[in-house]
Amino acid sequence: QVQLVESGGGLVQAGGSLRLSCTASGGTFRSYNMGWYRQAPGKEREFVAAIRRYGSNLYNEDSVKGRFTISRDNAKNTVYLQMNSLKPEDTAIHYCNLYPANYDYWGQGTQVTVSS
């Protein structure tokens, strides 16, 4: 069973930056493709970005193109999401999970709030 703990969220003004972290335990992190997802109030959870176990990346181009960067440190069992040029529409709870997501592994997420 994999446990995932997200951190790094907060309140930031539009145009600002945040770096989210997600640390995994209970599994073989380096063997997993990992993803970031988010859920805004009143909306469905959506895919944000993914990084394959060998490091190639995918992004939700419509939402985060050119602004977000996903990375991983296998030695620390951690995946990161660097978020730049934040917009109010980025306000959401951000979650990490495997990619594709595994229903059993959703954690509490970390809240990102972007003020205008």
C-alpha atoms as a PDB file:
ATOM      1  CA  GLN A   1       0.000   0.000   0.000  1.00  0.00           C
ATOM      2  CA  VAL A   2       1.365   3.395  -1.008  1.00  0.00           C
ATOM      3  CA  GLN A   3       0.929   6.454   1.196  1.00  0.00           C
ATOM      4  CA  LEU A   4       1.257   9.894  -0.375  1.00  0.00           C
ATOM      5  CA  VAL A   5       1.628  13.137   1.575  1.00  0.00           C
ATOM      6  CA  GLU A   6       1.379  16.469  -0.202  1.00  0.00           C
ATOM      7  CA  SER A   7       2.746  19.769   1.096  1.00  0.00           C
ATOM      8  CA  GLY A   8       3.741  23.230  -0.031  1.00  0.00           C
ATOM      9  CA  GLY A   9       0.403  24.830  -0.748  1.00  0.00           C
ATOM     10  CA  GLY A  10      -0.625  28.246   0.483  1.00  0.00           C
ATOM     11  CA  LEU A  11      -1.996  31.646  -0.362  1.00  0.00           C
ATOM     12  CA  VAL A  12      -0.205  33.586  -3.086  1.00  0.00           C
ATOM     13  CA  GLN A  13      -0.961  36.607  -5.232  1.00  0.00           C
ATOM     14  CA  ALA A  14      -1.561  36.260  -8.947  1.00  0.00           C
ATOM     15  CA  GLY A  15       1.748  36.041 -10.770  1.00  0.00           C
ATOM     16  CA  GLY A  16       3.455  34.388  -7.826  1.00  0.00           C
ATOM     17  CA  SER A  17       5.019  30.946  -7.469  1.00  0.00           C
ATOM     18  CA  LEU A  18       4.717  27.898  -5.268  1.00  0.00           C
ATOM     19  CA  ARG A  19       6.475  24.540  -5.193  1.00  0.00           C
ATOM     20  CA  LEU A  20       4.436  21.554  -4.130  1.00  0.00           C
ATOM     21  CA  SER A  21       6.000  18.374  -2.808  1.00  0.00           C
ATOM     22  CA  CYS A  22       4.632  14.867  -2.502  1.00  0.00           C
ATOM     23  CA  THR A  23       6.483  12.216  -0.554  1.00  0.00           C
ATOM     24  CA  ALA A  24       5.655   8.560  -0.988  1.00  0.00           C
ATOM     25  CA  SER A  25       6.092   5.632   1.363  1.00  0.00           C
ATOM     26  CA  GLY A  26       5.127   1.989   1.363  1.00  0.00           C
ATOM     27  CA  GLY A  27       6.029   1.189  -2.210  1.00  0.00           C
ATOM     28  CA  THR A  28       8.788   1.261  -4.800  1.00  0.00           C
ATOM     29  CA  PHE A  29       8.671   4.904  -5.785  1.00  0.00           C
ATOM     30  CA  ARG A  30      11.177   4.696  -8.584  1.00  0.00           C
ATOM     31  CA  SER A  31       9.008   2.189 -10.419  1.00  0.00           C
ATOM     32  CA  TYR A  32       5.942   4.429 -10.518  1.00  0.00           C
ATOM     33  CA  ASN A  33       4.776   6.988 -13.007  1.00  0.00           C
ATOM     34  CA  MET A  34       3.587   9.887 -10.826  1.00  0.00           C
ATOM     35  CA  GLY A  35       1.035  12.609 -11.414  1.00  0.00           C
ATOM     36  CA  TRP A  36      -0.379  15.793  -9.995  1.00  0.00           C
ATOM     37  CA  TYR A  37      -4.099  16.473 -10.061  1.00  0.00           C
ATOM     38  CA  ARG A  38      -6.321  19.230  -8.733  1.00  0.00           C
ATOM     39  CA  GLN A  39      -9.912  19.888  -7.811  1.00  0.00           C
ATOM     40  CA  ALA A  40     -11.367  23.371  -7.759  1.00  0.00           C
ATOM     41  CA  PRO A  41     -14.547  24.162  -5.808  1.00  0.00           C
ATOM     42  CA  GLY A  42     -17.582  22.815  -7.623  1.00  0.00           C
ATOM     43  CA  LYS A  43     -15.522  21.128 -10.344  1.00  0.00           C
ATOM     44  CA  GLU A  44     -14.324  17.648 -11.192  1.00  0.00           C
ATOM     45  CA  ARG A  45     -10.804  16.629 -10.305  1.00  0.00           C
ATOM     46  CA  GLU A  46      -8.531  17.155 -13.280  1.00  0.00           C
ATOM     47  CA  PHE A  47      -5.120  16.018 -14.425  1.00  0.00           C
ATOM     48  CA  VAL A  48      -2.340  18.594 -14.147  1.00  0.00           C
ATOM     49  CA  ALA A  49       0.976  16.923 -14.930  1.00  0.00           C
ATOM     50  CA  ALA A  50       2.723  13.567 -14.901  1.00  0.00           C
ATOM     51  CA  ILE A  51       6.271  12.295 -14.893  1.00  0.00           C
ATOM     52  CA  ARG A  52       7.154   8.826 -16.005  1.00  0.00           C
ATOM     53  CA  ARG A  53       9.546   6.677 -14.034  1.00  0.00           C
ATOM     54  CA  TYR A  54      12.297   7.468 -16.527  1.00  0.00           C
ATOM     55  CA  GLY A  55      11.592  11.217 -16.344  1.00  0.00           C
ATOM     56  CA  SER A  56       9.600  12.205 -19.413  1.00  0.00           C
ATOM     57  CA  ASN A  57       6.770  14.612 -18.672  1.00  0.00           C
ATOM     58  CA  LEU A  58       3.160  15.214 -19.627  1.00  0.00           C
ATOM     59  CA  TYR A  59       1.108  18.329 -18.981  1.00  0.00           C
ATOM     60  CA  ASN A  60      -2.455  19.486 -19.195  1.00  0.00           C
ATOM     61  CA  GLU A  61      -1.539  21.910 -21.934  1.00  0.00           C
ATOM     62  CA  ASP A  62      -4.803  23.813 -21.790  1.00  0.00           C
ATOM     63  CA  SER A  63      -4.428  24.653 -18.108  1.00  0.00           C
ATOM     64  CA  VAL A  64      -0.762  24.853 -17.233  1.00  0.00           C
ATOM     65  CA  LYS A  65       1.268  25.029 -20.411  1.00  0.00           C
ATOM     66  CA  GLY A  66       4.574  26.766 -19.912  1.00  0.00           C
ATOM     67  CA  ARG A  67       3.842  27.658 -16.281  1.00  0.00           C
ATOM     68  CA  PHE A  68       4.192  24.418 -14.322  1.00  0.00           C
ATOM     69  CA  THR A  69       7.094  21.968 -14.180  1.00  0.00           C
ATOM     70  CA  ILE A  70       6.943  18.485 -12.694  1.00  0.00           C
ATOM     71  CA  SER A  71      10.077  16.765 -11.442  1.00  0.00           C
ATOM     72  CA  ARG A  72      11.058  13.914  -9.168  1.00  0.00           C
ATOM     73  CA  ASP A  73      13.833  12.861  -6.814  1.00  0.00           C
ATOM     74  CA  ASN A  74      13.838   9.089  -6.542  1.00  0.00           C
ATOM     75  CA  ALA A  75      16.395   9.174  -3.727  1.00  0.00           C
ATOM     76  CA  LYS A  76      13.886  11.139  -1.638  1.00  0.00           C
ATOM     77  CA  ASN A  77      10.748   9.332  -2.883  1.00  0.00           C
ATOM     78  CA  THR A  78       9.396  12.750  -3.753  1.00  0.00           C
ATOM     79  CA  VAL A  79       7.684  14.345  -6.739  1.00  0.00           C
ATOM     80  CA  TYR A  80       7.503  18.121  -7.114  1.00  0.00           C
ATOM     81  CA  LEU A  81       5.322  20.587  -8.944  1.00  0.00           C
ATOM     82  CA  GLN A  82       6.867  23.992  -9.549  1.00  0.00           C
ATOM     83  CA  MET A  83       4.070  26.439 -10.281  1.00  0.00           C
ATOM     84  CA  ASN A  84       4.920  29.838 -11.745  1.00  0.00           C
ATOM     85  CA  SER A  85       2.789  32.712 -13.033  1.00  0.00           C
ATOM     86  CA  LEU A  86      -0.097  31.522 -10.899  1.00  0.00           C
ATOM     87  CA  LYS A  87      -3.606  32.629 -11.799  1.00  0.00           C
ATOM     88  CA  PRO A  88      -6.783  32.810  -9.682  1.00  0.00           C
ATOM     89  CA  GLU A  89      -8.144  29.881 -11.712  1.00  0.00           C
ATOM     90  CA  ASP A  90      -5.322  27.733 -10.308  1.00  0.00           C
ATOM     91  CA  THR A  91      -7.057  27.875  -6.926  1.00  0.00           C
ATOM     92  CA  ALA A  92      -7.764  24.258  -5.984  1.00  0.00           C
ATOM     93  CA  ILE A  93      -6.781  21.388  -3.749  1.00  0.00           C
ATOM     94  CA  HIS A  94      -3.784  19.773  -5.404  1.00  0.00           C
ATOM     95  CA  TYR A  95      -3.180  16.046  -5.069  1.00  0.00           C
ATOM     96  CA  CYS A  96      -0.495  13.656  -6.155  1.00  0.00           C
ATOM     97  CA  ASN A  97      -1.131  10.054  -7.135  1.00  0.00           C
ATOM     98  CA  LEU A  98       0.205   7.483  -9.482  1.00  0.00           C
ATOM     99  CA  TYR A  99      -0.312   8.082 -13.189  1.00  0.00           C
ATOM    100  CA  PRO A 100      -2.852   6.921 -14.117  1.00  0.00           C
ATOM    101  CA  ALA A 101      -4.346   7.592 -10.704  1.00  0.00           C
ATOM    102  CA  ASN A 102      -5.111   4.770  -8.308  1.00  0.00           C
ATOM    103  CA  TYR A 103      -8.359   5.288  -6.399  1.00  0.00           C
ATOM    104  CA  ASP A 104      -6.901   3.809  -3.215  1.00  0.00           C
ATOM    105  CA  TYR A 105      -4.018   6.249  -3.042  1.00  0.00           C
ATOM    106  CA  TRP A 106      -5.701   9.669  -2.867  1.00  0.00           C
ATOM    107  CA  GLY A 107      -4.366  11.673   0.067  1.00  0.00           C
ATOM    108  CA  GLN A 108      -5.560  14.869   1.711  1.00  0.00           C
ATOM    109  CA  GLY A 109      -4.023  17.137  -0.876  1.00  0.00           C
ATOM    110  CA  THR A 110      -2.641  20.612  -0.342  1.00  0.00           C
ATOM    111  CA  GLN A 111      -4.663  23.778  -0.821  1.00  0.00           C
ATOM    112  CA  VAL A 112      -3.445  26.381  -3.305  1.00  0.00           C
ATOM    113  CA  THR A 113      -5.222  29.716  -3.242  1.00  0.00           C
ATOM    114  CA  VAL A 114      -4.335  32.460  -5.710  1.00  0.00           C
ATOM    115  CA  SER A 115      -5.686  35.930  -5.028  1.00  0.00           C
ATOM    116  CA  SER A 116      -6.276  38.465  -7.782  1.00  0.00           C
END
